[in-house]
Amino acid sequence: MQVHLAEGEKIFVRTREGDWCKVRHGLRARSRILWKWSAPLVSMASNLAVLNVYTPEKGRREGYLELTSPNEDEYILHLEMNDLNGIVLRPKYVVALSSGISVRTHWSFNVHNLFSGRIRQIIYYGKGSVFIRGGNGLDLRMLENSGSDAVFKVEDGALIGYAVSAHYSLCRTETFLPYLLHRTSLTDYRLQHGLFITQNQEPKADRKK
């Protein structure tokens, strides 16, 4: 995926899981230990540590880089964001973000988040770009009503993110044998209303973990 940067723009790319940027033109690169030194806890909680920061070279008005997954079964989604309430994302799936994006944490103790282990949510908001990785492709699902015809059920590993205002809940997995064989979790997600980001298959590296 080719990403263009104008003068004054920055993009932060993670490097801990592999080299995501092998080609660049007209950009200079710098290393950064934390995304923001003024927010070390948020930087660590969102896995925004050990980054490369790319900006246009001095005297150039623009440049570009190419994001390429180091894993053959992963794809990249470019999520263009405006000044909305934000998107809750699993930090390990965020590859890069532009300088216009901010990050905050939110604690939620409702029963569904308690059972699913999502009591601390990482929220990405602002105006800019977020680049997300996912296994065998990613989908943006906009569910506009809460009727039974609009309900989707997805496995825990398939749900990468959702809008802050989205409605979802937990439901029991109908088939018990795959859970008994450690092939799936005990519960699935019931997506009811709002914007959701799902992947088609967990990457091999995540399944091994």
N, C-alpha and C. Protein backbone atom coordinates (compact mmCIF):
# COMPACT_ATOMS: atom_id res chain seq x y z
N MET A 1 0.85 -1.18 0.00
CA MET A 1 0.00 0.00 0.00
C MET A 1 0.89 1.23 0.00
N GLN A 2 0.67 2.12 -0.97
CA GLN A 2 1.50 3.32 -1.09
C GLN A 2 0.86 4.46 -0.28
N VAL A 3 1.67 5.12 0.54
CA VAL A 3 1.21 6.19 1.41
C VAL A 3 1.99 7.46 1.07
N HIS A 4 1.29 8.53 0.69
CA HIS A 4 1.92 9.79 0.34
C HIS A 4 1.89 10.75 1.52
N LEU A 5 2.99 11.45 1.73
CA LEU A 5 3.10 12.43 2.80
C LEU A 5 3.44 13.78 2.20
N ALA A 6 2.68 14.81 2.61
CA ALA A 6 2.98 16.18 2.20
C ALA A 6 3.93 16.81 3.22
N GLU A 7 4.44 17.98 2.86
CA GLU A 7 5.37 18.70 3.74
C GLU A 7 4.71 18.96 5.10
N GLY A 8 5.41 18.62 6.17
CA GLY A 8 4.90 18.81 7.51
C GLY A 8 4.16 17.61 8.08
N GLU A 9 3.85 16.62 7.25
CA GLU A 9 3.14 15.44 7.74
C GLU A 9 4.13 14.38 8.23
N LYS A 10 3.66 13.55 9.16
CA LYS A 10 4.45 12.45 9.70
C LYS A 10 3.63 11.18 9.70
N ILE A 11 4.33 10.05 9.66
CA ILE A 11 3.68 8.77 9.86
C ILE A 11 4.55 7.94 10.79
N PHE A 12 3.91 7.31 11.78
CA PHE A 12 4.58 6.48 12.76
C PHE A 12 4.35 5.01 12.39
N VAL A 13 5.41 4.26 12.19
CA VAL A 13 5.30 2.86 11.76
C VAL A 13 5.95 1.97 12.81
N ARG A 14 5.22 0.94 13.22
CA ARG A 14 5.76 0.00 14.20
C ARG A 14 6.82 -0.90 13.58
N THR A 15 7.80 -1.30 14.40
CA THR A 15 8.89 -2.12 13.87
C THR A 15 9.11 -3.39 14.68
N ARG A 16 8.43 -3.57 15.79
CA ARG A 16 8.73 -4.70 16.67
C ARG A 16 8.35 -6.04 16.06
N GLU A 17 7.29 -6.06 15.21
CA GLU A 17 6.83 -7.33 14.63
C GLU A 17 7.45 -7.59 13.27
N GLY A 18 8.29 -6.71 12.78
CA GLY A 18 8.89 -6.88 11.46
C GLY A 18 8.99 -5.56 10.73
N ASP A 19 9.61 -5.59 9.58
CA ASP A 19 9.82 -4.39 8.79
C ASP A 19 8.63 -4.19 7.85
N TRP A 20 7.81 -3.17 8.11
CA TRP A 20 6.63 -2.91 7.31
C TRP A 20 6.92 -1.94 6.16
N CYS A 21 8.05 -1.27 6.21
CA CYS A 21 8.38 -0.30 5.17
C CYS A 21 9.73 -0.65 4.56
N LYS A 22 9.70 -1.19 3.35
CA LYS A 22 10.93 -1.58 2.66
C LYS A 22 11.26 -0.65 1.50
N VAL A 23 10.30 0.18 1.11
CA VAL A 23 10.49 1.10 -0.02
C VAL A 23 10.02 2.49 0.39
N ARG A 24 10.83 3.50 0.14
CA ARG A 24 10.41 4.88 0.38
C ARG A 24 11.12 5.80 -0.60
N HIS A 25 10.49 6.93 -0.87
CA HIS A 25 11.06 7.90 -1.80
C HIS A 25 10.82 9.30 -1.26
N GLY A 26 11.90 10.08 -1.14
CA GLY A 26 11.78 11.46 -0.69
C GLY A 26 11.45 11.61 0.77
N LEU A 27 11.66 10.57 1.57
CA LEU A 27 11.36 10.62 3.00
C LEU A 27 12.61 10.32 3.81
N ARG A 28 12.70 10.93 4.97
CA ARG A 28 13.77 10.58 5.90
C ARG A 28 13.16 9.84 7.09
N ALA A 29 13.94 8.96 7.68
CA ALA A 29 13.45 8.12 8.76
C ALA A 29 14.22 8.40 10.05
N ARG A 30 13.50 8.40 11.15
CA ARG A 30 14.09 8.54 12.47
C ARG A 30 13.48 7.48 13.39
N SER A 31 14.25 7.06 14.37
CA SER A 31 13.77 6.08 15.34
C SER A 31 13.18 6.81 16.54
N ARG A 32 12.16 6.21 17.11
CA ARG A 32 11.56 6.77 18.32
C ARG A 32 11.18 5.62 19.24
N ILE A 33 11.56 5.72 20.50
CA ILE A 33 11.27 4.65 21.46
C ILE A 33 9.79 4.62 21.80
N LEU A 34 9.21 5.80 22.10
CA LEU A 34 7.80 5.89 22.44
C LEU A 34 7.10 6.85 21.50
N TRP A 35 5.82 6.59 21.25
CA TRP A 35 5.02 7.46 20.40
C TRP A 35 4.99 8.88 20.96
N LYS A 36 4.70 9.02 22.27
CA LYS A 36 4.71 10.33 22.93
C LYS A 36 5.37 10.20 24.29
N TRP A 37 6.43 10.97 24.49
CA TRP A 37 7.09 10.95 25.79
C TRP A 37 6.20 11.54 26.87
N SER A 38 5.27 12.42 26.48
CA SER A 38 4.36 13.02 27.46
C SER A 38 3.24 12.06 27.88
N ALA A 39 3.10 10.95 27.17
CA ALA A 39 2.08 9.96 27.50
C ALA A 39 2.69 8.56 27.45
N PRO A 40 3.63 8.26 28.35
CA PRO A 40 4.31 6.95 28.28
C PRO A 40 3.40 5.77 28.55
N LEU A 41 2.44 5.91 29.46
CA LEU A 41 1.56 4.79 29.77
C LEU A 41 0.64 4.46 28.60
N VAL A 42 0.10 5.50 27.97
CA VAL A 42 -0.75 5.28 26.80
C VAL A 42 0.06 4.68 25.66
N SER A 43 1.29 5.15 25.47
CA SER A 43 2.15 4.63 24.41
C SER A 43 2.43 3.15 24.61
N MET A 44 2.71 2.75 25.85
CA MET A 44 2.99 1.34 26.13
C MET A 44 1.73 0.49 26.04
N ALA A 45 0.59 1.02 26.54
CA ALA A 45 -0.66 0.25 26.50
C ALA A 45 -1.12 0.01 25.08
N SER A 46 -0.86 0.95 24.18
CA SER A 46 -1.29 0.81 22.79
C SER A 46 -0.21 0.20 21.91
N ASN A 47 0.87 -0.30 22.51
CA ASN A 47 1.97 -0.94 21.78
C ASN A 47 2.64 0.00 20.78
N LEU A 48 2.56 1.30 21.05
CA LEU A 48 3.23 2.28 20.19
C LEU A 48 4.61 2.57 20.75
N ALA A 49 5.46 1.57 20.67
CA ALA A 49 6.84 1.68 21.14
C ALA A 49 7.76 1.06 20.09
N VAL A 50 8.99 1.58 20.03
CA VAL A 50 9.98 1.16 19.03
C VAL A 50 9.41 1.42 17.63
N LEU A 51 9.37 2.68 17.26
CA LEU A 51 8.74 3.11 16.02
C LEU A 51 9.77 3.73 15.07
N ASN A 52 9.42 3.75 13.79
CA ASN A 52 10.10 4.58 12.80
C ASN A 52 9.18 5.72 12.44
N VAL A 53 9.72 6.94 12.41
CA VAL A 53 8.96 8.12 12.05
C VAL A 53 9.46 8.62 10.70
N TYR A 54 8.54 8.74 9.72
CA TYR A 54 8.91 9.16 8.37
C TYR A 54 8.32 10.54 8.10
N THR A 55 9.16 11.43 7.57
CA THR A 55 8.76 12.77 7.17
C THR A 55 9.43 13.11 5.84
N PRO A 56 8.86 14.03 5.05
CA PRO A 56 9.52 14.42 3.79
C PRO A 56 10.90 15.02 4.05
N GLU A 57 11.84 14.72 3.16
CA GLU A 57 13.19 15.25 3.28
C GLU A 57 13.17 16.77 3.16
N LYS A 58 14.19 17.40 3.73
CA LYS A 58 14.28 18.85 3.70
C LYS A 58 14.36 19.33 2.25
N GLY A 59 13.52 20.31 1.94
CA GLY A 59 13.48 20.85 0.59
C GLY A 59 12.48 20.16 -0.32
N ARG A 60 11.85 19.08 0.15
CA ARG A 60 10.84 18.38 -0.65
C ARG A 60 9.44 18.70 -0.12
N ARG A 61 8.51 18.82 -1.03
CA ARG A 61 7.14 19.09 -0.65
C ARG A 61 6.36 17.82 -0.34
N GLU A 62 6.82 16.69 -0.85
CA GLU A 62 6.12 15.45 -0.59
C GLU A 62 7.05 14.26 -0.81
N GLY A 63 6.61 13.13 -0.36
CA GLY A 63 7.31 11.86 -0.57
C GLY A 63 6.32 10.73 -0.33
N TYR A 64 6.78 9.51 -0.49
CA TYR A 64 5.87 8.39 -0.25
C TYR A 64 6.65 7.19 0.24
N LEU A 65 5.93 6.31 0.89
CA LEU A 65 6.49 5.02 1.31
C LEU A 65 5.49 3.93 0.95
N GLU A 66 5.96 2.70 0.94
CA GLU A 66 5.11 1.56 0.66
C GLU A 66 5.08 0.64 1.87
N LEU A 67 3.88 0.44 2.41
CA LEU A 67 3.69 -0.49 3.51
C LEU A 67 3.46 -1.89 2.95
N THR A 68 4.29 -2.83 3.39
CA THR A 68 4.19 -4.21 2.93
C THR A 68 4.24 -5.14 4.14
N SER A 69 3.28 -6.04 4.23
CA SER A 69 3.24 -6.94 5.37
C SER A 69 4.39 -7.94 5.32
N PRO A 70 5.09 -8.16 6.45
CA PRO A 70 6.12 -9.18 6.49
C PRO A 70 5.57 -10.61 6.52
N ASN A 71 4.25 -10.74 6.69
CA ASN A 71 3.61 -12.05 6.74
C ASN A 71 2.73 -12.23 5.52
N GLU A 72 2.81 -13.39 4.89
CA GLU A 72 2.13 -13.61 3.61
C GLU A 72 0.61 -13.65 3.72
N ASP A 73 0.06 -13.92 4.91
CA ASP A 73 -1.39 -14.07 5.01
C ASP A 73 -2.08 -12.83 5.58
N GLU A 74 -1.35 -11.71 5.64
CA GLU A 74 -1.91 -10.49 6.21
C GLU A 74 -2.11 -9.42 5.14
N TYR A 75 -3.18 -8.67 5.30
CA TYR A 75 -3.50 -7.54 4.42
C TYR A 75 -3.55 -6.27 5.26
N ILE A 76 -3.52 -5.12 4.57
CA ILE A 76 -3.51 -3.83 5.24
C ILE A 76 -4.74 -3.03 4.85
N LEU A 77 -5.40 -2.44 5.84
CA LEU A 77 -6.56 -1.59 5.62
C LEU A 77 -6.19 -0.15 5.98
N HIS A 78 -6.49 0.77 5.06
CA HIS A 78 -6.28 2.20 5.30
C HIS A 78 -7.59 2.78 5.82
N LEU A 79 -7.59 3.19 7.09
CA LEU A 79 -8.78 3.75 7.73
C LEU A 79 -8.61 5.26 7.83
N GLU A 80 -9.39 5.98 7.03
CA GLU A 80 -9.35 7.45 7.02
C GLU A 80 -10.34 7.95 8.07
N MET A 81 -9.85 8.74 9.04
CA MET A 81 -10.67 9.18 10.15
C MET A 81 -10.85 10.68 10.13
N ASN A 82 -12.04 11.12 10.59
CA ASN A 82 -12.34 12.54 10.77
C ASN A 82 -12.52 12.81 12.25
N ASP A 83 -12.96 13.98 12.58
CA ASP A 83 -13.13 14.36 13.98
C ASP A 83 -14.40 13.72 14.54
N LEU A 84 -14.34 12.42 14.82
CA LEU A 84 -15.45 11.68 15.40
C LEU A 84 -15.10 11.31 16.83
N ASN A 85 -15.98 10.53 17.47
CA ASN A 85 -15.72 10.12 18.85
C ASN A 85 -14.55 9.14 18.95
N GLY A 86 -14.28 8.43 17.87
CA GLY A 86 -13.14 7.53 17.89
C GLY A 86 -13.49 6.10 17.56
N ILE A 87 -12.43 5.31 17.34
CA ILE A 87 -12.55 3.89 17.04
C ILE A 87 -11.75 3.11 18.10
N VAL A 88 -12.37 2.10 18.67
CA VAL A 88 -11.68 1.19 19.61
C VAL A 88 -11.01 0.11 18.78
N LEU A 89 -9.69 -0.04 18.93
CA LEU A 89 -8.94 -1.02 18.14
C LEU A 89 -8.07 -1.87 19.06
N ARG A 90 -7.88 -3.11 18.66
CA ARG A 90 -6.88 -3.95 19.33
C ARG A 90 -5.50 -3.45 18.92
N PRO A 91 -4.68 -3.03 19.85
CA PRO A 91 -3.40 -2.39 19.51
C PRO A 91 -2.49 -3.24 18.64
N LYS A 92 -2.51 -4.56 18.81
CA LYS A 92 -1.57 -5.40 18.06
C LYS A 92 -1.85 -5.39 16.56
N TYR A 93 -3.04 -4.94 16.16
CA TYR A 93 -3.38 -4.91 14.74
C TYR A 93 -3.11 -3.56 14.09
N VAL A 94 -2.67 -2.57 14.86
CA VAL A 94 -2.37 -1.26 14.30
C VAL A 94 -0.92 -1.25 13.82
N VAL A 95 -0.73 -0.99 12.54
CA VAL A 95 0.60 -1.00 11.91
C VAL A 95 1.23 0.38 11.95
N ALA A 96 0.43 1.40 11.62
CA ALA A 96 0.96 2.76 11.52
C ALA A 96 -0.17 3.76 11.72
N LEU A 97 0.20 4.99 12.05
CA LEU A 97 -0.78 6.06 12.17
C LEU A 97 -0.12 7.39 11.84
N SER A 98 -0.92 8.32 11.34
CA SER A 98 -0.40 9.62 10.96
C SER A 98 -0.38 10.55 12.16
N SER A 99 0.23 11.72 11.97
CA SER A 99 0.43 12.64 13.08
C SER A 99 -0.87 13.29 13.55
N GLY A 100 -1.94 13.23 12.75
CA GLY A 100 -3.20 13.84 13.18
C GLY A 100 -4.03 12.97 14.10
N ILE A 101 -3.59 11.75 14.36
CA ILE A 101 -4.33 10.81 15.21
C ILE A 101 -3.82 10.87 16.65
N SER A 102 -4.75 10.87 17.59
CA SER A 102 -4.42 10.81 19.01
C SER A 102 -4.95 9.51 19.60
N VAL A 103 -4.45 9.16 20.77
CA VAL A 103 -4.82 7.90 21.43
C VAL A 103 -5.15 8.17 22.88
N ARG A 104 -6.20 7.53 23.35
CA ARG A 104 -6.53 7.61 24.77
C ARG A 104 -7.03 6.25 25.23
N THR A 105 -7.02 6.02 26.53
CA THR A 105 -7.53 4.77 27.10
C THR A 105 -8.82 5.04 27.84
N HIS A 106 -9.67 4.02 27.89
CA HIS A 106 -10.96 4.14 28.58
C HIS A 106 -11.24 2.82 29.28
N TRP A 107 -11.65 2.90 30.56
CA TRP A 107 -11.98 1.71 31.32
C TRP A 107 -13.50 1.51 31.30
N SER A 108 -13.93 0.33 30.91
CA SER A 108 -15.35 0.00 30.85
C SER A 108 -15.58 -1.31 31.59
N PHE A 109 -16.47 -1.27 32.60
CA PHE A 109 -16.69 -2.44 33.44
C PHE A 109 -18.08 -3.06 33.24
N ASN A 110 -18.66 -2.87 32.02
CA ASN A 110 -19.93 -3.55 31.80
C ASN A 110 -19.69 -5.06 31.69
N VAL A 111 -20.75 -5.82 31.85
CA VAL A 111 -20.61 -7.27 32.01
C VAL A 111 -19.97 -7.92 30.77
N HIS A 112 -20.27 -7.41 29.58
CA HIS A 112 -19.72 -8.02 28.37
C HIS A 112 -18.21 -7.79 28.28
N ASN A 113 -17.75 -6.60 28.67
CA ASN A 113 -16.32 -6.34 28.64
C ASN A 113 -15.59 -7.10 29.75
N LEU A 114 -16.25 -7.31 30.88
CA LEU A 114 -15.63 -8.08 31.96
C LEU A 114 -15.39 -9.52 31.52
N PHE A 115 -16.37 -10.14 30.89
CA PHE A 115 -16.24 -11.54 30.47
C PHE A 115 -15.30 -11.70 29.29
N SER A 116 -15.20 -10.67 28.43
CA SER A 116 -14.35 -10.79 27.25
C SER A 116 -12.95 -10.24 27.48
N GLY A 117 -12.69 -9.68 28.66
CA GLY A 117 -11.36 -9.15 28.96
C GLY A 117 -11.05 -7.84 28.27
N ARG A 118 -12.06 -7.06 27.91
CA ARG A 118 -11.86 -5.79 27.21
C ARG A 118 -12.17 -4.60 28.11
N ILE A 119 -11.82 -4.68 29.38
CA ILE A 119 -12.18 -3.59 30.30
C ILE A 119 -11.34 -2.34 30.03
N ARG A 120 -10.13 -2.49 29.50
CA ARG A 120 -9.35 -1.33 29.11
C ARG A 120 -9.36 -1.22 27.60
N GLN A 121 -9.98 -0.17 27.10
CA GLN A 121 -10.13 0.01 25.67
C GLN A 121 -9.17 1.10 25.18
N ILE A 122 -8.54 0.84 24.04
CA ILE A 122 -7.64 1.81 23.42
C ILE A 122 -8.41 2.49 22.29
N ILE A 123 -8.58 3.81 22.40
CA ILE A 123 -9.40 4.57 21.47
C ILE A 123 -8.50 5.46 20.61
N TYR A 124 -8.66 5.35 19.30
CA TYR A 124 -7.94 6.18 18.34
C TYR A 124 -8.93 7.20 17.78
N TYR A 125 -8.54 8.47 17.79
CA TYR A 125 -9.45 9.52 17.34
C TYR A 125 -8.65 10.66 16.71
N GLY A 126 -9.37 11.60 16.10
CA GLY A 126 -8.72 12.73 15.44
C GLY A 126 -8.95 12.70 13.95
N LYS A 127 -8.16 13.48 13.23
CA LYS A 127 -8.27 13.58 11.78
C LYS A 127 -6.97 13.11 11.16
N GLY A 128 -7.01 12.00 10.46
CA GLY A 128 -5.81 11.43 9.88
C GLY A 128 -6.04 10.00 9.45
N SER A 129 -4.97 9.22 9.42
CA SER A 129 -5.03 7.86 8.90
C SER A 129 -4.51 6.86 9.93
N VAL A 130 -5.17 5.73 9.98
CA VAL A 130 -4.71 4.58 10.77
C VAL A 130 -4.63 3.39 9.82
N PHE A 131 -3.53 2.64 9.90
CA PHE A 131 -3.33 1.48 9.03
C PHE A 131 -3.37 0.22 9.89
N ILE A 132 -4.25 -0.70 9.50
CA ILE A 132 -4.55 -1.88 10.31
C ILE A 132 -4.24 -3.13 9.52
N ARG A 133 -3.69 -4.13 10.19
CA ARG A 133 -3.40 -5.41 9.54
C ARG A 133 -4.49 -6.42 9.89
N GLY A 134 -4.69 -7.39 9.02
CA GLY A 134 -5.68 -8.42 9.29
C GLY A 134 -5.45 -9.64 8.41
N GLY A 135 -5.88 -10.78 8.86
CA GLY A 135 -5.66 -12.03 8.16
C GLY A 135 -6.59 -12.22 6.98
N ASN A 136 -6.03 -12.44 5.79
CA ASN A 136 -6.80 -12.74 4.57
C ASN A 136 -7.85 -11.67 4.26
N GLY A 137 -7.55 -10.43 4.59
CA GLY A 137 -8.45 -9.33 4.25
C GLY A 137 -9.24 -8.82 5.44
N LEU A 138 -9.70 -7.56 5.32
CA LEU A 138 -10.48 -6.92 6.38
C LEU A 138 -11.75 -6.33 5.78
N ASP A 139 -12.76 -6.18 6.64
CA ASP A 139 -14.05 -5.64 6.20
C ASP A 139 -14.52 -4.56 7.17
N LEU A 140 -15.10 -3.50 6.61
CA LEU A 140 -15.81 -2.49 7.38
C LEU A 140 -17.30 -2.82 7.31
N ARG A 141 -17.92 -3.04 8.46
CA ARG A 141 -19.34 -3.39 8.49
C ARG A 141 -20.11 -2.27 9.19
N MET A 142 -21.02 -1.64 8.48
CA MET A 142 -21.86 -0.60 9.05
C MET A 142 -23.27 -1.17 9.23
N LEU A 143 -23.66 -1.38 10.47
CA LEU A 143 -25.00 -1.88 10.78
C LEU A 143 -25.82 -0.69 11.26
N GLU A 144 -26.89 -0.38 10.52
CA GLU A 144 -27.61 0.87 10.75
C GLU A 144 -28.87 0.70 11.57
N ASN A 145 -29.27 -0.50 11.90
CA ASN A 145 -30.42 -0.68 12.79
C ASN A 145 -30.18 -1.89 13.67
N SER A 146 -30.93 -2.01 14.72
CA SER A 146 -30.72 -3.07 15.70
C SER A 146 -31.72 -4.21 15.56
N GLY A 147 -32.40 -4.30 14.42
CA GLY A 147 -33.34 -5.39 14.21
C GLY A 147 -32.63 -6.72 14.06
N SER A 148 -33.38 -7.80 14.14
CA SER A 148 -32.78 -9.14 14.08
C SER A 148 -32.13 -9.41 12.73
N ASP A 149 -32.60 -8.76 11.65
CA ASP A 149 -32.03 -8.98 10.33
C ASP A 149 -30.64 -8.39 10.19
N ALA A 150 -30.28 -7.44 11.08
CA ALA A 150 -29.00 -6.75 10.95
C ALA A 150 -27.95 -7.28 11.93
N VAL A 151 -28.26 -8.35 12.65
CA VAL A 151 -27.34 -8.87 13.66
C VAL A 151 -26.34 -9.81 13.01
N PHE A 152 -25.05 -9.60 13.32
CA PHE A 152 -23.98 -10.49 12.85
C PHE A 152 -23.35 -11.15 14.07
N LYS A 153 -22.94 -12.40 13.91
CA LYS A 153 -22.18 -13.09 14.94
C LYS A 153 -20.79 -13.40 14.39
N VAL A 154 -19.76 -13.01 15.12
CA VAL A 154 -18.38 -13.26 14.69
C VAL A 154 -17.60 -13.83 15.86
N GLU A 155 -16.55 -14.60 15.54
CA GLU A 155 -15.69 -15.14 16.58
C GLU A 155 -14.87 -14.03 17.22
N ASP A 156 -14.40 -14.31 18.41
CA ASP A 156 -13.64 -13.31 19.16
C ASP A 156 -12.42 -12.84 18.38
N GLY A 157 -11.71 -13.76 17.74
CA GLY A 157 -10.50 -13.40 17.01
C GLY A 157 -10.75 -12.63 15.74
N ALA A 158 -12.01 -12.61 15.26
CA ALA A 158 -12.32 -11.91 14.01
C ALA A 158 -12.60 -10.43 14.21
N LEU A 159 -12.98 -10.03 15.42
CA LEU A 159 -13.33 -8.64 15.69
C LEU A 159 -12.07 -7.86 16.07
N ILE A 160 -11.70 -6.89 15.21
CA ILE A 160 -10.50 -6.07 15.43
C ILE A 160 -10.83 -4.74 16.09
N GLY A 161 -11.95 -4.14 15.69
CA GLY A 161 -12.29 -2.84 16.25
C GLY A 161 -13.73 -2.46 15.99
N TYR A 162 -14.15 -1.36 16.62
CA TYR A 162 -15.51 -0.88 16.48
C TYR A 162 -15.57 0.58 16.92
N ALA A 163 -16.57 1.30 16.41
CA ALA A 163 -16.75 2.70 16.81
C ALA A 163 -17.13 2.78 18.28
N VAL A 164 -16.79 3.89 18.91
CA VAL A 164 -17.09 4.06 20.33
C VAL A 164 -18.59 3.93 20.58
N SER A 165 -19.40 4.39 19.65
CA SER A 165 -20.86 4.38 19.82
C SER A 165 -21.51 3.07 19.39
N ALA A 166 -20.74 2.09 18.95
CA ALA A 166 -21.32 0.84 18.45
C ALA A 166 -21.92 0.01 19.58
N HIS A 167 -22.91 -0.80 19.22
CA HIS A 167 -23.57 -1.68 20.18
C HIS A 167 -23.21 -3.13 19.86
N TYR A 168 -22.75 -3.86 20.87
CA TYR A 168 -22.41 -5.27 20.69
C TYR A 168 -22.62 -5.98 22.02
N SER A 169 -22.62 -7.29 21.97
CA SER A 169 -22.77 -8.09 23.18
C SER A 169 -22.13 -9.44 22.96
N LEU A 170 -22.00 -10.19 24.03
CA LEU A 170 -21.46 -11.55 23.96
C LEU A 170 -22.59 -12.56 23.80
N CYS A 171 -22.31 -13.65 23.13
CA CYS A 171 -23.26 -14.76 23.05
C CYS A 171 -22.46 -16.05 23.07
N ARG A 172 -23.10 -17.13 23.50
CA ARG A 172 -22.42 -18.41 23.61
C ARG A 172 -22.18 -19.01 22.24
N THR A 173 -21.01 -19.62 22.06
CA THR A 173 -20.73 -20.35 20.83
C THR A 173 -21.67 -21.55 20.74
N GLU A 174 -22.35 -21.71 19.59
CA GLU A 174 -23.35 -22.77 19.47
C GLU A 174 -22.74 -24.16 19.51
N THR A 175 -21.54 -24.33 18.95
CA THR A 175 -20.93 -25.65 18.89
C THR A 175 -19.86 -25.77 19.96
N PHE A 176 -19.98 -26.79 20.80
CA PHE A 176 -19.07 -26.94 21.94
C PHE A 176 -17.78 -27.66 21.59
N LEU A 177 -17.83 -28.57 20.61
CA LEU A 177 -16.66 -29.40 20.30
C LEU A 177 -15.44 -28.57 19.87
N PRO A 178 -15.58 -27.56 18.96
CA PRO A 178 -14.39 -26.76 18.61
C PRO A 178 -13.77 -26.07 19.81
N TYR A 179 -14.59 -25.63 20.78
CA TYR A 179 -14.04 -25.03 21.99
C TYR A 179 -13.28 -26.07 22.80
N LEU A 180 -13.84 -27.27 22.89
CA LEU A 180 -13.19 -28.34 23.65
C LEU A 180 -11.84 -28.71 23.04
N LEU A 181 -11.71 -28.58 21.73
CA LEU A 181 -10.46 -28.90 21.02
C LEU A 181 -9.54 -27.68 20.90
N HIS A 182 -9.87 -26.59 21.61
CA HIS A 182 -9.06 -25.36 21.63
C HIS A 182 -8.93 -24.73 20.25
N ARG A 183 -9.99 -24.82 19.46
CA ARG A 183 -9.99 -24.20 18.13
C ARG A 183 -10.77 -22.89 18.09
N THR A 184 -11.56 -22.62 19.10
CA THR A 184 -12.31 -21.38 19.16
C THR A 184 -12.57 -21.03 20.62
N SER A 185 -13.02 -19.80 20.87
CA SER A 185 -13.32 -19.39 22.23
C SER A 185 -14.73 -19.84 22.62
N LEU A 186 -15.06 -19.71 23.90
CA LEU A 186 -16.35 -20.16 24.38
C LEU A 186 -17.48 -19.22 23.96
N THR A 187 -17.16 -17.95 23.72
CA THR A 187 -18.18 -16.97 23.36
C THR A 187 -17.86 -16.31 22.02
N ASP A 188 -18.90 -15.85 21.35
CA ASP A 188 -18.78 -15.06 20.13
C ASP A 188 -19.29 -13.66 20.41
N TYR A 189 -19.11 -12.77 19.43
CA TYR A 189 -19.64 -11.41 19.54
C TYR A 189 -20.89 -11.27 18.67
N ARG A 190 -21.90 -10.62 19.24
CA ARG A 190 -23.11 -10.31 18.50
C ARG A 190 -23.04 -8.81 18.16
N LEU A 191 -22.85 -8.49 16.88
CA LEU A 191 -22.74 -7.10 16.42
C LEU A 191 -24.12 -6.60 16.07
N GLN A 192 -24.54 -5.49 16.67
CA GLN A 192 -25.92 -5.06 16.55
C GLN A 192 -26.10 -3.71 15.85
N HIS A 193 -25.27 -2.75 16.15
CA HIS A 193 -25.49 -1.40 15.60
C HIS A 193 -24.17 -0.63 15.61
N GLY A 194 -23.86 0.03 14.48
CA GLY A 194 -22.66 0.86 14.41
C GLY A 194 -21.63 0.32 13.43
N LEU A 195 -20.43 0.86 13.52
CA LEU A 195 -19.33 0.50 12.62
C LEU A 195 -18.42 -0.52 13.29
N PHE A 196 -18.12 -1.62 12.57
CA PHE A 196 -17.25 -2.67 13.08
C PHE A 196 -16.19 -3.00 12.04
N ILE A 197 -15.00 -3.40 12.51
CA ILE A 197 -13.91 -3.82 11.64
C ILE A 197 -13.59 -5.27 11.97
N THR A 198 -13.70 -6.14 10.96
CA THR A 198 -13.46 -7.55 11.17
C THR A 198 -12.42 -8.06 10.16
N GLN A 199 -11.73 -9.12 10.56
CA GLN A 199 -10.80 -9.78 9.64
C GLN A 199 -11.37 -11.14 9.27
N ASN A 200 -10.94 -11.66 8.13
CA ASN A 200 -11.50 -12.92 7.63
C ASN A 200 -10.90 -14.14 8.31
N GLN A 201 -9.69 -14.01 8.81
CA GLN A 201 -9.03 -15.15 9.45
C GLN A 201 -7.90 -14.62 10.33
N GLU A 202 -7.77 -15.20 11.53
CA GLU A 202 -6.65 -14.80 12.37
C GLU A 202 -5.33 -15.16 11.69
N PRO A 203 -4.35 -14.24 11.66
CA PRO A 203 -3.04 -14.57 11.08
C PRO A 203 -2.40 -15.75 11.81
N LYS A 204 -1.53 -16.46 11.10
CA LYS A 204 -0.90 -17.66 11.67
C LYS A 204 -0.14 -17.33 12.94
N ALA A 205 0.55 -16.19 12.96
CA ALA A 205 1.35 -15.83 14.14
C ALA A 205 0.45 -15.64 15.36
N ASP A 206 -0.75 -15.07 15.19
CA ASP A 206 -1.67 -14.87 16.31
C ASP A 206 -2.27 -16.19 16.76
N ARG A 207 -2.58 -17.08 15.84
CA ARG A 207 -3.15 -18.37 16.21
C ARG A 207 -2.15 -19.20 17.03
N LYS A 208 -0.87 -19.10 16.69
CA LYS A 208 0.13 -19.84 17.44
C LYS A 208 0.22 -19.37 18.88
N LYS A 209 0.11 -18.04 19.04
CA LYS A 209 0.14 -17.49 20.41
C LYS A 209 -1.06 -17.93 21.22
